[in-house]
Amino acid sequence: MILAYGVAIVHAIGVLLLMFFSVWVWFHPEYSGYFLISLVLLLATWPFFRGCPLTRLENWCRRRVSPEVTYSGQCLVYYGHKLGVNVPRRTPLAVMAGVILNAVVLDTVTFLAPEIGVFCYA
């Protein structure tokens, strides 16, 4: 069970880093292409695992201890309810869509029209 909680902590850190870097690339647009590629690679794994790979790994670890301790759905919703926060079911999808839209808009501005970059002071 400790391994399952370790996966959950790594997952939470990963989500926070994803949100942090979605803002960070606005100040460092030279990395926006790498950010977009990493998002595409991450999303490409979702159909294979039928959801987030880290959620599946956490539930696999939980199932090895006891089948009753697994959960269905997204981890953000599950842990939000455990912490007493009412997280709507579609929130994780909205967060991911916002991060992807941010990366696509930034890449469009950076690579197609670099002279109108968002934080271009020259």
N, C-alpha and C. Protein backbone atom coordinates (compact mmCIF):
# COMPACT_ATOMS: atom_id res chain seq x y z
N MET A 1 0.82 -1.19 0.00
CA MET A 1 0.00 0.00 0.00
C MET A 1 0.87 1.26 0.00
N ILE A 2 2.05 1.15 0.59
CA ILE A 2 2.96 2.30 0.62
C ILE A 2 3.37 2.66 -0.81
N LEU A 3 3.56 1.66 -1.64
CA LEU A 3 3.92 1.91 -3.04
C LEU A 3 2.80 2.67 -3.76
N ALA A 4 1.55 2.32 -3.47
CA ALA A 4 0.41 3.01 -4.08
C ALA A 4 0.38 4.48 -3.67
N TYR A 5 0.65 4.75 -2.40
CA TYR A 5 0.69 6.15 -1.96
C TYR A 5 1.89 6.88 -2.56
N GLY A 6 3.00 6.16 -2.74
CA GLY A 6 4.16 6.77 -3.40
C GLY A 6 3.83 7.16 -4.84
N VAL A 7 3.11 6.29 -5.55
CA VAL A 7 2.69 6.61 -6.92
C VAL A 7 1.75 7.81 -6.90
N ALA A 8 0.86 7.88 -5.91
CA ALA A 8 -0.07 9.01 -5.80
C ALA A 8 0.68 10.32 -5.56
N ILE A 9 1.72 10.27 -4.75
CA ILE A 9 2.52 11.49 -4.48
C ILE A 9 3.27 11.91 -5.74
N VAL A 10 3.87 10.95 -6.45
CA VAL A 10 4.56 11.27 -7.70
C VAL A 10 3.57 11.84 -8.71
N HIS A 11 2.36 11.27 -8.74
CA HIS A 11 1.31 11.76 -9.64
C HIS A 11 0.93 13.19 -9.31
N ALA A 12 0.75 13.49 -8.04
CA ALA A 12 0.38 14.85 -7.63
C ALA A 12 1.49 15.84 -7.98
N ILE A 13 2.73 15.46 -7.75
CA ILE A 13 3.85 16.33 -8.11
C ILE A 13 3.89 16.53 -9.63
N GLY A 14 3.63 15.48 -10.38
CA GLY A 14 3.60 15.58 -11.83
C GLY A 14 2.53 16.53 -12.34
N VAL A 15 1.35 16.47 -11.74
CA VAL A 15 0.26 17.37 -12.14
C VAL A 15 0.63 18.82 -11.80
N LEU A 16 1.19 19.04 -10.62
CA LEU A 16 1.61 20.39 -10.25
C LEU A 16 2.71 20.92 -11.17
N LEU A 17 3.67 20.06 -11.53
CA LEU A 17 4.73 20.47 -12.45
C LEU A 17 4.16 20.78 -13.83
N LEU A 18 3.21 20.00 -14.27
CA LEU A 18 2.57 20.25 -15.56
C LEU A 18 1.90 21.62 -15.57
N MET A 19 1.20 21.94 -14.50
CA MET A 19 0.55 23.26 -14.42
C MET A 19 1.59 24.37 -14.29
N PHE A 20 2.65 24.13 -13.53
CA PHE A 20 3.71 25.13 -13.38
C PHE A 20 4.38 25.40 -14.73
N PHE A 21 4.75 24.33 -15.44
CA PHE A 21 5.44 24.52 -16.72
C PHE A 21 4.54 25.12 -17.78
N SER A 22 3.22 24.92 -17.66
CA SER A 22 2.33 25.55 -18.63
C SER A 22 2.38 27.07 -18.51
N VAL A 23 2.70 27.59 -17.33
CA VAL A 23 2.88 29.03 -17.15
C VAL A 23 4.34 29.41 -17.44
N TRP A 24 5.27 28.58 -17.00
CA TRP A 24 6.69 28.87 -17.15
C TRP A 24 7.10 29.05 -18.61
N VAL A 25 6.50 28.25 -19.52
CA VAL A 25 6.89 28.35 -20.93
C VAL A 25 6.47 29.69 -21.54
N TRP A 26 5.55 30.40 -20.93
CA TRP A 26 5.20 31.73 -21.43
C TRP A 26 6.37 32.69 -21.24
N PHE A 27 7.15 32.48 -20.20
CA PHE A 27 8.32 33.33 -19.94
C PHE A 27 9.57 32.81 -20.63
N HIS A 28 9.53 31.54 -21.04
CA HIS A 28 10.65 30.91 -21.74
C HIS A 28 10.10 30.18 -22.97
N PRO A 29 9.64 30.93 -23.96
CA PRO A 29 8.97 30.31 -25.11
C PRO A 29 9.86 29.39 -25.94
N GLU A 30 11.17 29.47 -25.78
CA GLU A 30 12.05 28.59 -26.53
C GLU A 30 11.85 27.12 -26.14
N TYR A 31 11.22 26.86 -24.98
CA TYR A 31 10.96 25.50 -24.54
C TYR A 31 9.53 25.04 -24.83
N SER A 32 8.74 25.88 -25.47
CA SER A 32 7.33 25.53 -25.68
C SER A 32 7.16 24.33 -26.59
N GLY A 33 8.04 24.16 -27.56
CA GLY A 33 7.96 22.99 -28.43
C GLY A 33 8.17 21.69 -27.67
N TYR A 34 9.13 21.69 -26.76
CA TYR A 34 9.39 20.51 -25.93
C TYR A 34 8.20 20.21 -25.02
N PHE A 35 7.61 21.29 -24.51
CA PHE A 35 6.45 21.13 -23.63
C PHE A 35 5.28 20.51 -24.40
N LEU A 36 5.03 21.00 -25.61
CA LEU A 36 3.94 20.47 -26.42
C LEU A 36 4.21 19.02 -26.80
N ILE A 37 5.43 18.69 -27.15
CA ILE A 37 5.77 17.30 -27.49
C ILE A 37 5.55 16.39 -26.29
N SER A 38 5.95 16.84 -25.10
CA SER A 38 5.75 16.01 -23.90
C SER A 38 4.27 15.81 -23.61
N LEU A 39 3.46 16.83 -23.85
CA LEU A 39 2.01 16.68 -23.66
C LEU A 39 1.41 15.68 -24.65
N VAL A 40 1.85 15.78 -25.90
CA VAL A 40 1.34 14.85 -26.91
C VAL A 40 1.73 13.41 -26.56
N LEU A 41 2.97 13.22 -26.12
CA LEU A 41 3.41 11.88 -25.73
C LEU A 41 2.62 11.37 -24.52
N LEU A 42 2.37 12.25 -23.57
CA LEU A 42 1.59 11.85 -22.40
C LEU A 42 0.18 11.44 -22.80
N LEU A 43 -0.45 12.26 -23.63
CA LEU A 43 -1.82 11.94 -24.05
C LEU A 43 -1.88 10.72 -24.95
N ALA A 44 -0.80 10.44 -25.66
CA ALA A 44 -0.78 9.25 -26.53
C ALA A 44 -0.83 7.96 -25.71
N THR A 45 -0.41 8.01 -24.46
CA THR A 45 -0.46 6.81 -23.61
C THR A 45 -1.85 6.55 -23.04
N TRP A 46 -2.70 7.58 -23.01
CA TRP A 46 -4.02 7.43 -22.38
C TRP A 46 -4.89 6.37 -23.05
N PRO A 47 -4.99 6.30 -24.38
CA PRO A 47 -5.82 5.23 -24.97
C PRO A 47 -5.28 3.83 -24.65
N PHE A 48 -3.96 3.71 -24.61
CA PHE A 48 -3.36 2.41 -24.32
C PHE A 48 -3.69 1.94 -22.91
N PHE A 49 -3.64 2.86 -21.94
CA PHE A 49 -3.91 2.51 -20.54
C PHE A 49 -5.37 2.74 -20.15
N ARG A 50 -6.17 3.25 -21.07
CA ARG A 50 -7.58 3.62 -20.80
C ARG A 50 -7.66 4.59 -19.64
N GLY A 51 -6.88 5.63 -19.72
CA GLY A 51 -6.84 6.67 -18.69
C GLY A 51 -5.40 7.01 -18.38
N CYS A 52 -5.22 7.74 -17.33
CA CYS A 52 -3.87 8.16 -16.93
C CYS A 52 -3.05 6.94 -16.49
N PRO A 53 -1.84 6.79 -17.03
CA PRO A 53 -1.03 5.63 -16.65
C PRO A 53 -0.69 5.58 -15.16
N LEU A 54 -0.51 6.74 -14.52
CA LEU A 54 -0.16 6.73 -13.09
C LEU A 54 -1.36 6.33 -12.24
N THR A 55 -2.56 6.70 -12.65
CA THR A 55 -3.76 6.25 -11.93
C THR A 55 -3.90 4.74 -12.04
N ARG A 56 -3.66 4.21 -13.24
CA ARG A 56 -3.73 2.76 -13.43
C ARG A 56 -2.67 2.04 -12.58
N LEU A 57 -1.45 2.61 -12.53
CA LEU A 57 -0.38 2.00 -11.74
C LEU A 57 -0.73 2.02 -10.26
N GLU A 58 -1.28 3.14 -9.79
CA GLU A 58 -1.68 3.23 -8.38
C GLU A 58 -2.74 2.19 -8.05
N ASN A 59 -3.75 2.05 -8.91
CA ASN A 59 -4.80 1.06 -8.65
C ASN A 59 -4.27 -0.36 -8.75
N TRP A 60 -3.30 -0.60 -9.61
CA TRP A 60 -2.69 -1.93 -9.68
C TRP A 60 -1.99 -2.25 -8.37
N CYS A 61 -1.25 -1.27 -7.82
CA CYS A 61 -0.58 -1.47 -6.53
C CYS A 61 -1.59 -1.69 -5.42
N ARG A 62 -2.68 -0.94 -5.44
CA ARG A 62 -3.72 -1.10 -4.42
C ARG A 62 -4.38 -2.47 -4.52
N ARG A 63 -4.65 -2.92 -5.76
CA ARG A 63 -5.32 -4.20 -5.98
C ARG A 63 -4.47 -5.37 -5.48
N ARG A 64 -3.15 -5.22 -5.54
CA ARG A 64 -2.27 -6.28 -5.05
C ARG A 64 -2.40 -6.45 -3.54
N VAL A 65 -2.73 -5.36 -2.83
CA VAL A 65 -2.92 -5.44 -1.38
C VAL A 65 -4.32 -5.95 -1.08
N SER A 66 -5.33 -5.31 -1.68
CA SER A 66 -6.71 -5.70 -1.46
C SER A 66 -7.59 -5.09 -2.55
N PRO A 67 -8.41 -5.88 -3.22
CA PRO A 67 -9.26 -5.35 -4.29
C PRO A 67 -10.26 -4.29 -3.82
N GLU A 68 -10.57 -4.27 -2.54
CA GLU A 68 -11.56 -3.31 -2.02
C GLU A 68 -11.03 -1.89 -1.93
N VAL A 69 -9.72 -1.70 -1.98
CA VAL A 69 -9.17 -0.36 -1.77
C VAL A 69 -8.90 0.39 -3.07
N THR A 70 -9.30 -0.18 -4.22
CA THR A 70 -9.13 0.53 -5.48
C THR A 70 -10.27 1.53 -5.66
N TYR A 71 -10.09 2.43 -6.61
CA TYR A 71 -11.14 3.40 -6.92
C TYR A 71 -11.28 3.52 -8.42
N SER A 72 -12.44 3.97 -8.85
CA SER A 72 -12.65 4.17 -10.28
C SER A 72 -12.68 5.67 -10.55
N GLY A 73 -12.34 6.05 -11.75
CA GLY A 73 -12.34 7.46 -12.09
C GLY A 73 -10.97 8.09 -11.93
N GLN A 74 -10.94 9.41 -11.92
CA GLN A 74 -9.68 10.13 -11.85
C GLN A 74 -9.21 10.30 -10.41
N CYS A 75 -7.89 10.33 -10.25
CA CYS A 75 -7.32 10.44 -8.90
C CYS A 75 -7.62 11.80 -8.28
N LEU A 76 -7.68 12.86 -9.08
CA LEU A 76 -7.96 14.19 -8.55
C LEU A 76 -9.32 14.23 -7.86
N VAL A 77 -10.30 13.58 -8.47
CA VAL A 77 -11.64 13.53 -7.88
C VAL A 77 -11.62 12.68 -6.61
N TYR A 78 -10.96 11.52 -6.67
CA TYR A 78 -10.90 10.62 -5.53
C TYR A 78 -10.24 11.27 -4.31
N TYR A 79 -9.05 11.84 -4.52
CA TYR A 79 -8.33 12.43 -3.39
C TYR A 79 -8.97 13.75 -2.95
N GLY A 80 -9.60 14.46 -3.86
CA GLY A 80 -10.34 15.66 -3.47
C GLY A 80 -11.45 15.32 -2.49
N HIS A 81 -12.21 14.25 -2.78
CA HIS A 81 -13.27 13.84 -1.87
C HIS A 81 -12.71 13.34 -0.54
N LYS A 82 -11.56 12.67 -0.58
CA LYS A 82 -10.94 12.22 0.67
C LYS A 82 -10.51 13.40 1.54
N LEU A 83 -10.14 14.51 0.90
CA LEU A 83 -9.73 15.72 1.64
C LEU A 83 -10.92 16.62 1.96
N GLY A 84 -12.12 16.21 1.58
CA GLY A 84 -13.31 16.98 1.89
C GLY A 84 -13.62 18.08 0.89
N VAL A 85 -13.01 18.01 -0.30
CA VAL A 85 -13.25 19.01 -1.34
C VAL A 85 -14.13 18.38 -2.41
N ASN A 86 -15.21 19.06 -2.76
CA ASN A 86 -16.09 18.54 -3.79
C ASN A 86 -15.53 18.91 -5.16
N VAL A 87 -14.89 17.95 -5.80
CA VAL A 87 -14.27 18.17 -7.11
C VAL A 87 -15.21 17.61 -8.18
N PRO A 88 -15.70 18.46 -9.08
CA PRO A 88 -16.56 17.93 -10.15
C PRO A 88 -15.83 16.88 -10.98
N ARG A 89 -16.57 15.94 -11.50
CA ARG A 89 -16.00 14.81 -12.22
C ARG A 89 -15.19 15.22 -13.45
N ARG A 90 -15.56 16.30 -14.10
CA ARG A 90 -14.90 16.73 -15.33
C ARG A 90 -13.71 17.68 -15.09
N THR A 91 -13.40 18.00 -13.85
CA THR A 91 -12.31 18.93 -13.55
C THR A 91 -10.96 18.49 -14.11
N PRO A 92 -10.54 17.22 -13.94
CA PRO A 92 -9.24 16.82 -14.49
C PRO A 92 -9.17 17.01 -16.01
N LEU A 93 -10.26 16.73 -16.70
CA LEU A 93 -10.27 16.92 -18.15
C LEU A 93 -10.17 18.39 -18.51
N ALA A 94 -10.82 19.24 -17.74
CA ALA A 94 -10.75 20.68 -17.99
C ALA A 94 -9.34 21.21 -17.75
N VAL A 95 -8.68 20.72 -16.71
CA VAL A 95 -7.30 21.14 -16.43
C VAL A 95 -6.39 20.73 -17.58
N MET A 96 -6.51 19.48 -18.02
CA MET A 96 -5.67 19.00 -19.12
C MET A 96 -5.97 19.76 -20.41
N ALA A 97 -7.23 20.02 -20.69
CA ALA A 97 -7.58 20.78 -21.90
C ALA A 97 -7.00 22.19 -21.83
N GLY A 98 -7.03 22.82 -20.67
CA GLY A 98 -6.46 24.15 -20.52
C GLY A 98 -4.96 24.16 -20.72
N VAL A 99 -4.28 23.16 -20.20
CA VAL A 99 -2.83 23.07 -20.36
C VAL A 99 -2.47 22.86 -21.83
N ILE A 100 -3.21 21.99 -22.51
CA ILE A 100 -2.95 21.73 -23.92
C ILE A 100 -3.25 22.96 -24.76
N LEU A 101 -4.36 23.62 -24.51
CA LEU A 101 -4.70 24.83 -25.25
C LEU A 101 -3.64 25.90 -25.04
N ASN A 102 -3.17 26.04 -23.83
CA ASN A 102 -2.10 26.98 -23.51
C ASN A 102 -0.86 26.67 -24.35
N ALA A 103 -0.46 25.41 -24.41
CA ALA A 103 0.73 25.02 -25.17
C ALA A 103 0.55 25.25 -26.66
N VAL A 104 -0.63 24.94 -27.18
CA VAL A 104 -0.88 25.12 -28.61
C VAL A 104 -0.86 26.60 -28.97
N VAL A 105 -1.52 27.43 -28.17
CA VAL A 105 -1.53 28.87 -28.44
C VAL A 105 -0.11 29.43 -28.36
N LEU A 106 0.63 29.05 -27.34
CA LEU A 106 1.99 29.54 -27.20
C LEU A 106 2.87 29.11 -28.37
N ASP A 107 2.75 27.84 -28.79
CA ASP A 107 3.53 27.37 -29.93
C ASP A 107 3.15 28.11 -31.21
N THR A 108 1.88 28.36 -31.38
CA THR A 108 1.44 29.09 -32.57
C THR A 108 2.04 30.48 -32.59
N VAL A 109 1.97 31.18 -31.47
CA VAL A 109 2.53 32.54 -31.39
C VAL A 109 4.05 32.51 -31.54
N THR A 110 4.70 31.58 -30.88
CA THR A 110 6.16 31.54 -30.87
C THR A 110 6.75 31.15 -32.22
N PHE A 111 6.18 30.11 -32.84
CA PHE A 111 6.80 29.59 -34.05
C PHE A 111 6.27 30.22 -35.34
N LEU A 112 5.01 30.62 -35.36
CA LEU A 112 4.46 31.20 -36.59
C LEU A 112 4.64 32.71 -36.66
N ALA A 113 4.63 33.37 -35.51
CA ALA A 113 4.79 34.82 -35.51
C ALA A 113 5.63 35.24 -34.32
N PRO A 114 6.93 34.94 -34.34
CA PRO A 114 7.77 35.24 -33.17
C PRO A 114 7.89 36.73 -32.86
N GLU A 115 7.68 37.57 -33.87
CA GLU A 115 7.79 39.02 -33.62
C GLU A 115 6.68 39.57 -32.75
N ILE A 116 5.57 38.83 -32.58
CA ILE A 116 4.49 39.29 -31.70
C ILE A 116 4.42 38.43 -30.45
N GLY A 117 5.57 37.90 -30.06
CA GLY A 117 5.61 37.04 -28.88
C GLY A 117 4.99 37.73 -27.67
N VAL A 118 4.44 36.93 -26.81
CA VAL A 118 3.68 37.43 -25.67
C VAL A 118 4.52 38.33 -24.76
N PHE A 119 5.75 37.91 -24.47
CA PHE A 119 6.59 38.68 -23.58
C PHE A 119 7.81 39.24 -24.31
N CYS A 120 7.59 39.68 -25.52
CA CYS A 120 8.67 40.25 -26.34
C CYS A 120 8.79 41.74 -26.01
N TYR A 121 9.91 42.13 -25.44
CA TYR A 121 10.11 43.53 -25.04
C TYR A 121 11.00 44.30 -26.00
N ALA A 122 11.49 43.64 -27.03
CA ALA A 122 12.41 44.29 -27.97
C ALA A 122 11.69 45.21 -28.93
